[in-house]
Protein backbone atom coordinates (compact mmCIF):
# COMPACT_ATOMS: atom_id res chain seq x y z
CA VAL A 1 -76.92 -119.38 -136.64
CA GLY A 2 -74.47 -117.47 -134.50
CA PRO A 3 -72.91 -117.00 -131.11
CA ASP A 4 -74.83 -117.19 -127.83
CA LEU A 5 -76.14 -113.70 -127.00
CA VAL A 6 -74.66 -113.95 -123.49
CA THR A 7 -71.16 -113.93 -124.98
CA VAL A 8 -72.13 -111.06 -127.29
CA ARG A 9 -73.21 -108.93 -124.31
CA GLU A 10 -69.71 -109.08 -122.91
CA ALA A 11 -68.29 -107.43 -126.04
CA GLY A 12 -69.76 -103.98 -125.33
CA ARG A 13 -71.64 -101.54 -127.54
CA GLU A 14 -68.65 -100.28 -129.54
CA GLU A 15 -67.46 -103.74 -130.52
CA LEU A 16 -71.01 -104.83 -131.32
CA LEU A 17 -71.47 -101.79 -133.52
CA THR A 18 -68.29 -102.69 -135.42
CA HIS A 19 -69.43 -106.29 -135.95
CA ILE A 20 -72.91 -105.22 -137.08
CA LEU A 21 -71.62 -102.66 -139.57
CA ASP A 22 -68.76 -104.85 -140.84
CA PRO A 23 -69.74 -108.46 -140.09
CA SER A 24 -66.90 -110.02 -142.10
CA ARG A 25 -64.13 -107.96 -140.48
CA GLU A 26 -63.40 -110.69 -137.94
CA ILE A 27 -65.00 -114.11 -138.19
CA ASN A 28 -64.80 -116.77 -135.53
CA PRO A 29 -63.73 -119.92 -137.43
CA GLN A 30 -66.70 -121.71 -135.86
CA TYR A 31 -68.99 -119.39 -137.86
CA ALA A 32 -67.13 -119.28 -141.17
CA GLN A 33 -69.35 -119.78 -144.20
CA TYR A 34 -68.53 -122.66 -146.54
CA ILE A 35 -69.70 -123.39 -150.05
CA ILE A 36 -69.98 -127.02 -151.15
CA GLU A 37 -70.57 -127.86 -154.79
CA THR A 38 -71.71 -131.36 -155.57
CA GLN A 39 -71.06 -133.52 -158.61
CA ASP A 40 -74.67 -132.99 -159.72
CA TRP A 41 -74.10 -129.19 -159.82
CA LEU A 42 -75.97 -128.32 -156.62
CA THR A 43 -74.51 -125.65 -154.35
CA HIS A 44 -74.91 -125.67 -150.56
CA SER A 45 -73.73 -122.98 -148.15
CA GLY A 46 -73.60 -122.63 -144.38
CA ILE A 47 -71.40 -123.25 -141.40
CA ILE A 48 -69.94 -126.69 -140.82
CA VAL A 49 -71.61 -128.18 -137.76
CA SER A 50 -70.35 -131.74 -138.09
CA GLU A 51 -67.99 -133.83 -140.15
CA THR A 52 -67.57 -137.57 -140.38
CA ALA A 53 -65.48 -139.78 -142.60
CA THR A 54 -68.44 -140.02 -145.00
CA SER A 55 -70.31 -136.70 -144.77
CA ILE A 56 -70.32 -132.99 -143.92
CA THR A 57 -73.31 -131.23 -142.37
CA LEU A 58 -73.89 -127.53 -143.01
CA LYS A 59 -76.24 -125.33 -140.97
CA ARG A 60 -78.13 -122.52 -142.68
CA ALA A 61 -80.45 -119.76 -141.54
CA HIS A 62 -83.44 -120.79 -139.42
CA GLY A 63 -81.49 -123.80 -138.14
CA GLU A 64 -81.96 -125.78 -141.35
CA THR A 65 -79.23 -128.28 -142.18
CA ASP A 66 -77.87 -130.05 -145.24
CA THR A 67 -75.86 -133.26 -144.97
CA ILE A 68 -73.72 -133.94 -148.02
CA LEU A 69 -72.00 -137.25 -148.62
CA ARG A 70 -68.29 -136.81 -149.21
CA HIS A 71 -68.32 -138.95 -152.36
CA ASP A 72 -70.83 -136.46 -153.86
CA ILE A 73 -68.64 -133.39 -153.19
CA GLU A 74 -66.96 -131.78 -156.17
CA SER A 75 -65.47 -128.87 -154.21
CA ILE A 76 -65.55 -127.19 -150.82
CA SER A 77 -64.31 -123.72 -149.99
CA SER A 78 -64.59 -121.06 -147.33
CA THR A 79 -66.00 -117.73 -148.46
CA ASN A 80 -64.17 -115.81 -145.71
CA LEU A 81 -67.48 -114.01 -145.20
CA SER A 82 -69.83 -113.91 -142.26
CA LEU A 83 -73.29 -115.41 -142.61
CA MET A 84 -74.61 -112.11 -141.27
CA PRO A 85 -75.49 -110.04 -144.32
CA GLU A 86 -73.85 -106.67 -144.81
CA GLY A 87 -76.05 -103.59 -145.01
CA TRP A 88 -79.13 -105.02 -143.27
CA GLU A 89 -78.96 -102.21 -140.71
CA GLU A 90 -79.82 -99.69 -143.43
CA GLY A 91 -83.50 -100.54 -142.91
CA LEU A 92 -83.38 -99.49 -139.26
CA SER A 93 -84.06 -96.04 -137.86
CA GLN A 94 -81.53 -94.57 -135.42
CA GLN A 95 -83.90 -95.44 -132.56
CA ASP A 96 -84.31 -99.01 -133.83
CA PHE A 97 -80.53 -99.36 -133.96
CA ALA A 98 -80.14 -97.90 -130.45
CA ASP A 99 -82.83 -100.29 -129.18
CA LEU A 100 -81.04 -103.23 -130.83
CA LEU A 101 -77.73 -102.33 -129.18
CA THR A 102 -79.47 -101.95 -125.81
CA PHE A 103 -81.12 -105.36 -126.19
CA LEU A 104 -77.87 -107.06 -127.24
CA THR A 105 -75.88 -105.56 -124.35
CA THR A 106 -78.47 -105.79 -121.56
CA GLY A 107 -81.18 -108.18 -122.67
CA ASP A 108 -83.82 -105.50 -122.04
């Protein structure tokens, strides 16, 4: 769940580094995370991929979706956070991180 890598390549290494280290600094509204709580106390989160008069569909990691009927919704709110988790880069070595930036900017 995220932007096309071709558009990411155009950003450049410095901007990519900023977005990786601080993913919620600037969020494209298309990728804003929403939380929907239903009347039966279930909580769903993801980006809104479609809305109709009767339902909202959220997309989660791995392309999984949840469609929630509007009459079942108790509340809906934006988290103002990116779906990309903060701190995941801590598990990468410097070389891994350099390789990631190279791949994202060149595709190699």
